[in-house]
Protein backbone atom coordinates (compact mmCIF):
# COMPACT_ATOMS: atom_id res chain seq x y z
CA MET A 1 82.82 110.95 155.83
CA THR A 2 84.89 108.95 153.34
CA GLU A 3 87.32 106.32 154.58
CA MET A 4 90.29 105.20 152.48
CA ILE A 5 91.88 101.76 152.80
CA PRO A 6 94.50 99.95 150.70
CA LEU A 7 93.11 97.87 147.83
CA THR A 8 94.18 94.26 148.39
CA SER A 9 93.33 90.78 147.17
CA GLU A 10 91.09 90.47 150.26
CA ASN A 11 88.83 93.38 149.25
CA VAL A 12 89.16 93.45 145.44
CA GLU A 13 85.76 91.69 145.19
CA LEU A 14 84.12 94.96 146.28
CA CYS A 15 85.60 96.65 143.20
CA ILE A 16 84.50 94.15 140.57
CA GLU A 17 80.81 95.10 140.67
CA ILE A 18 81.66 98.82 140.65
CA TYR A 19 84.01 98.30 137.70
CA MET A 20 81.42 96.41 135.68
CA ASN A 21 78.63 98.90 136.45
CA VAL A 22 80.77 101.92 135.56
CA PHE A 23 82.30 100.65 132.34
CA ASN A 24 79.19 98.85 131.07
CA SER A 25 77.28 102.17 131.34
CA GLU A 26 77.44 105.51 129.51
CA PRO A 27 79.73 106.89 128.22
CA TRP A 28 81.88 103.73 127.94
CA ASN A 29 79.25 101.13 126.97
CA GLU A 30 81.76 98.30 127.27
CA ARG A 31 80.86 94.64 127.81
CA TRP A 32 82.65 93.51 130.99
CA THR A 33 81.69 90.16 132.45
CA TYR A 34 82.35 89.31 136.07
CA GLU A 35 85.17 86.93 135.09
CA ARG A 36 86.95 89.45 132.85
CA ALA A 37 86.60 92.30 135.35
CA LYS A 38 87.97 90.04 138.09
CA GLU A 39 90.92 89.05 135.91
CA ARG A 40 91.59 92.69 134.94
CA LEU A 41 91.64 93.89 138.54
CA SER A 42 93.57 90.85 139.82
CA ASP A 43 96.22 91.36 137.13
CA LEU A 44 96.50 95.03 138.08
CA LEU A 45 96.76 94.12 141.76
CA HIS A 46 99.76 91.91 140.99
CA THR A 47 101.59 94.51 138.87
CA PRO A 48 105.00 95.49 140.26
CA LYS A 49 104.85 98.68 142.37
CA PHE A 50 101.03 98.52 142.53
CA LEU A 51 99.11 101.05 144.58
CA GLY A 52 95.34 100.88 144.96
CA LEU A 53 92.97 102.67 147.29
CA LEU A 54 89.40 101.69 148.10
CA PHE A 55 87.04 104.37 149.40
CA HIS A 56 84.01 103.84 151.66
CA SER A 57 81.32 106.17 152.95
CA ASP A 58 78.88 104.97 155.60
CA HIS A 59 80.24 101.43 155.14
CA LYS A 60 79.34 101.44 151.40
CA PRO A 61 82.01 101.29 148.68
CA VAL A 62 82.23 104.67 146.95
CA GLY A 63 84.90 103.70 144.44
CA PHE A 64 88.50 102.83 143.94
CA ILE A 65 91.63 104.11 142.29
CA ALA A 66 94.54 101.93 141.18
CA GLY A 67 97.74 101.88 139.19
CA ASN A 68 101.45 101.38 139.49
CA SER A 69 104.62 103.40 139.62
CA LYS A 70 107.36 103.11 137.03
CA VAL A 71 110.89 104.41 136.79
CA SER A 72 111.52 107.24 134.34
CA ASP A 73 114.55 109.40 133.66
CA GLN A 74 113.04 111.98 136.06
CA GLY A 75 112.44 109.48 138.88
CA LEU A 76 109.26 107.58 139.64
CA THR A 77 106.05 108.28 137.73
CA PHE A 78 102.65 106.76 138.43
CA TYR A 79 100.34 105.25 135.82
CA LEU A 80 96.73 105.66 136.89
CA ALA A 81 95.12 102.59 135.34
CA GLU A 82 91.66 102.78 136.92
CA LEU A 83 89.47 105.28 138.69
CA CYS A 84 85.90 104.14 139.30
CA VAL A 85 83.17 105.84 141.29
CA ASN A 86 79.96 103.95 142.03
CA ASN A 87 77.35 105.08 139.46
CA GLU A 88 74.91 106.28 142.15
CA MET A 89 77.61 108.43 143.77
CA GLN A 90 79.01 110.14 140.68
CA GLY A 91 78.83 113.91 140.36
CA LYS A 92 79.16 114.50 144.11
CA GLY A 93 82.89 115.23 144.32
CA HIS A 94 83.99 111.71 145.31
CA GLY A 95 86.23 111.26 142.24
CA SER A 96 88.03 114.54 142.91
CA LYS A 97 88.54 113.60 146.58
CA MET A 98 89.89 110.20 145.49
CA LEU A 99 92.34 111.87 143.10
CA ARG A 100 93.54 114.29 145.78
CA SER A 101 94.04 111.39 148.23
CA LEU A 102 96.04 109.48 145.62
CA GLU A 103 98.14 112.57 144.79
CA ALA A 104 98.92 113.13 148.49
CA GLU A 105 99.99 109.49 148.86
CA LEU A 106 102.16 109.70 145.75
CA GLN A 107 103.85 112.86 147.05
CA LYS A 108 104.66 111.06 150.33
CA ARG A 109 106.33 108.36 148.23
CA GLU A 110 108.29 111.01 146.27
CA ILE A 111 106.65 110.09 142.98
CA LYS A 112 107.28 112.95 140.58
CA SER A 113 104.35 112.72 138.16
CA LEU A 114 101.16 110.92 137.28
CA TYR A 115 99.77 109.99 133.88
CA LEU A 116 96.64 108.27 132.58
CA LEU A 117 94.70 107.42 129.45
CA THR A 118 91.06 108.38 128.96
CA ALA A 119 88.52 108.93 126.19
CA ASN A 120 88.67 112.16 124.15
CA ASP A 121 86.10 114.92 124.46
CA GLY A 122 83.87 113.30 127.05
CA LEU A 123 82.91 113.54 130.68
CA ALA A 124 86.06 111.71 131.78
CA GLU A 125 88.35 114.15 129.98
CA ALA A 126 86.38 117.09 131.39
CA PHE A 127 86.69 115.58 134.89
CA TYR A 128 90.49 115.37 134.65
CA LEU A 129 90.80 118.86 133.13
CA LYS A 130 88.69 120.20 136.01
CA ASN A 131 91.15 118.55 138.40
CA ASP A 132 94.15 120.39 136.86
CA TYR A 133 95.35 117.62 134.53
CA VAL A 134 96.54 118.63 131.08
CA VAL A 135 96.73 116.90 127.72
CA ASN A 136 100.34 115.85 127.14
CA GLU A 137 101.26 117.39 123.78
CA ASP A 138 104.51 115.37 123.73
CA ARG A 139 102.75 112.01 123.46
CA VAL A 140 100.26 110.33 121.20
CA VAL A 141 98.31 107.14 121.87
CA MET A 142 98.62 104.68 119.02
CA LYS A 143 96.76 101.44 118.46
CA LYS A 144 96.65 98.56 116.03
CA ASN A 145 93.83 96.01 115.92
CA LEU A 146 95.26 92.51 115.58
CA LEU A 147 92.06 90.55 115.02
CA LYS A 148 90.35 90.89 111.68
CA VAL A 149 86.63 91.50 111.86
CA ALA A 150 84.69 88.94 109.82
CA LYS A 151 82.57 90.50 107.11
CA GLY A 152 79.24 88.81 106.65
């Protein structure tokens, strides 16, 4: 049975290792250090209107989900900044259960919608599509690199 508790500064340490393991592995292959992951999650934790949930099963951390609500012209919307499931527990329905728990909590708080960013055409996109999320055709993600890469 999975237990859900609020993500707080007291238990954020449990999330750092999960975060690093998930995002330093396929398909992301990022290079998170302990210090950077801790800063990322601590910054998120201190974002106005933060909501984070930590999930346990048999006293082991399964994963966490975190983000913050924002005001829009339609009311409150929620930005899902992070969803991480422990690598050994992926593919067993935990991520979908975590999303449903978050959605139920957001509905209780009268939050009207939820949005997120994820990689194109990969397992993460397929996961969200499977959970009834849709690509927002009204928006585009844009980016500009500010640091020049040295050519050697």
